[in-house]
Amino acid sequence: MAYASAYAVAAKLLTKLGVGELALLVADRSATAAVEADSLEARGLAAYHVACALLRLDRPEDTADLAVAMAAWRTGRSIGLGNWCETVASGRCVRIDGR
């Protein structure tokens, strides 16, 4: 879980600095490390940072699609777009592709 957390911190910093493409790459690495660590909390944190990087890149549709897909996977049911922001903010999202 240490790698996932370190990547998450780096993704947050890069997003704040406006380096969206690199932030997205690092957030994806955080998600990979979270999956390998089998940590639900780290997966939620990584998902949040992927969403933040996508928003920084002005890709709200991709952000919504990702958040809805991850929330649906996590809860085992379909979640509408109206709930995606709340789901991401609560940290209940995880990567569905295992990468």
Protein backbone atom coordinates (compact mmCIF):
# COMPACT_ATOMS: atom_id res chain seq x y z
CA MET A 1 0.00 0.00 0.00
CA ALA A 2 2.99 2.30 0.46
CA TYR A 3 3.57 2.52 -3.29
CA ALA A 4 -0.08 3.32 -3.94
CA SER A 5 0.03 6.11 -1.35
CA ALA A 6 3.27 7.54 -2.71
CA TYR A 7 1.90 7.59 -6.24
CA ALA A 8 -1.31 9.20 -4.95
CA VAL A 9 0.65 12.02 -3.30
CA ALA A 10 2.62 12.56 -6.50
CA ALA A 11 -0.57 12.56 -8.59
CA LYS A 12 -2.13 15.15 -6.28
CA LEU A 13 0.92 17.40 -6.56
CA LEU A 14 1.08 17.09 -10.34
CA THR A 15 -2.63 17.83 -10.65
CA LYS A 16 -2.23 20.93 -8.49
CA LEU A 17 0.71 22.05 -10.64
CA GLY A 18 -1.41 21.65 -13.77
CA VAL A 19 0.60 18.82 -15.32
CA GLY A 20 -2.48 16.83 -16.26
CA GLU A 21 -1.04 14.17 -18.54
CA LEU A 22 1.67 13.23 -16.07
CA ALA A 23 -0.81 13.37 -13.18
CA LEU A 24 -3.03 10.91 -15.04
CA LEU A 25 -0.12 8.55 -15.62
CA VAL A 26 0.93 8.67 -11.97
CA ALA A 27 -2.68 8.25 -10.78
CA ASP A 28 -2.93 5.17 -12.99
CA ARG A 29 0.26 3.82 -11.40
CA SER A 30 -1.34 4.44 -8.02
CA ALA A 31 -4.34 2.39 -9.11
CA THR A 32 -2.07 -0.42 -10.29
CA ALA A 33 -0.24 -0.46 -6.96
CA ALA A 34 -3.57 -0.41 -5.10
CA VAL A 35 -4.83 -3.43 -7.02
CA GLU A 36 -1.57 -5.28 -6.34
CA ALA A 37 -1.83 -4.40 -2.65
CA ASP A 38 -5.46 -5.60 -2.62
CA SER A 39 -6.48 -2.51 -0.66
CA LEU A 40 -9.97 -1.13 -1.07
CA GLU A 41 -8.96 2.15 0.58
CA ALA A 42 -5.99 2.62 -1.76
CA ARG A 43 -8.21 1.82 -4.74
CA GLY A 44 -10.66 4.52 -3.68
CA LEU A 45 -7.85 7.02 -3.25
CA ALA A 46 -6.38 6.14 -6.65
CA ALA A 47 -9.78 6.41 -8.32
CA TYR A 48 -10.22 9.87 -6.84
CA HIS A 49 -6.86 10.98 -8.24
CA VAL A 50 -7.59 9.52 -11.67
CA ALA A 51 -10.85 11.50 -11.68
CA CYS A 52 -9.06 14.68 -10.57
CA ALA A 53 -6.45 14.30 -13.31
CA LEU A 54 -9.14 13.73 -15.93
CA LEU A 55 -10.95 16.86 -14.76
CA ARG A 56 -7.69 18.83 -14.92
CA LEU A 57 -7.40 17.69 -18.55
CA ASP A 58 -10.91 19.02 -19.17
CA ARG A 59 -12.35 15.55 -19.78
CA PRO A 60 -15.54 15.61 -17.70
CA GLU A 61 -17.28 12.95 -19.80
CA ASP A 62 -14.40 10.51 -19.30
CA THR A 63 -14.42 11.35 -15.60
CA ALA A 64 -18.12 10.63 -15.30
CA ASP A 65 -17.86 7.39 -17.28
CA LEU A 66 -14.95 6.18 -15.17
CA ALA A 67 -16.59 7.09 -11.88
CA VAL A 68 -19.91 5.48 -12.80
CA ALA A 69 -18.24 2.30 -14.03
CA MET A 70 -16.08 2.00 -10.91
CA ALA A 71 -18.98 2.71 -8.57
CA ALA A 72 -21.18 0.19 -10.34
CA TRP A 73 -18.44 -2.42 -10.05
CA ARG A 74 -17.91 -1.66 -6.37
CA THR A 75 -21.56 -1.72 -5.41
CA GLY A 76 -22.56 -4.49 -7.78
CA ARG A 77 -25.41 -2.41 -9.18
CA SER A 78 -26.01 0.25 -11.77
CA ILE A 79 -25.46 3.81 -10.59
CA GLY A 80 -26.82 6.81 -12.46
CA LEU A 81 -24.81 9.88 -13.36
CA GLY A 82 -26.51 11.85 -10.63
CA ASN A 83 -24.64 9.89 -7.97
CA TRP A 84 -21.17 9.70 -9.54
CA CYS A 85 -19.73 12.80 -7.86
CA GLU A 86 -20.92 11.71 -4.44
CA THR A 87 -19.51 8.23 -5.03
CA VAL A 88 -16.06 9.51 -6.03
CA ALA A 89 -15.97 11.95 -3.11
CA SER A 90 -16.82 9.19 -0.65
CA GLY A 91 -13.91 7.05 -1.84
CA ARG A 92 -16.11 4.07 -2.69
CA CYS A 93 -14.71 3.66 -6.21
CA VAL A 94 -12.20 1.11 -7.41
CA ARG A 95 -10.54 0.33 -10.71
CA ILE A 96 -12.47 -2.23 -12.71
CA ASP A 97 -9.81 -3.23 -15.21
CA GLY A 98 -7.12 -4.23 -12.70
CA ARG A 99 -4.46 -2.09 -14.42
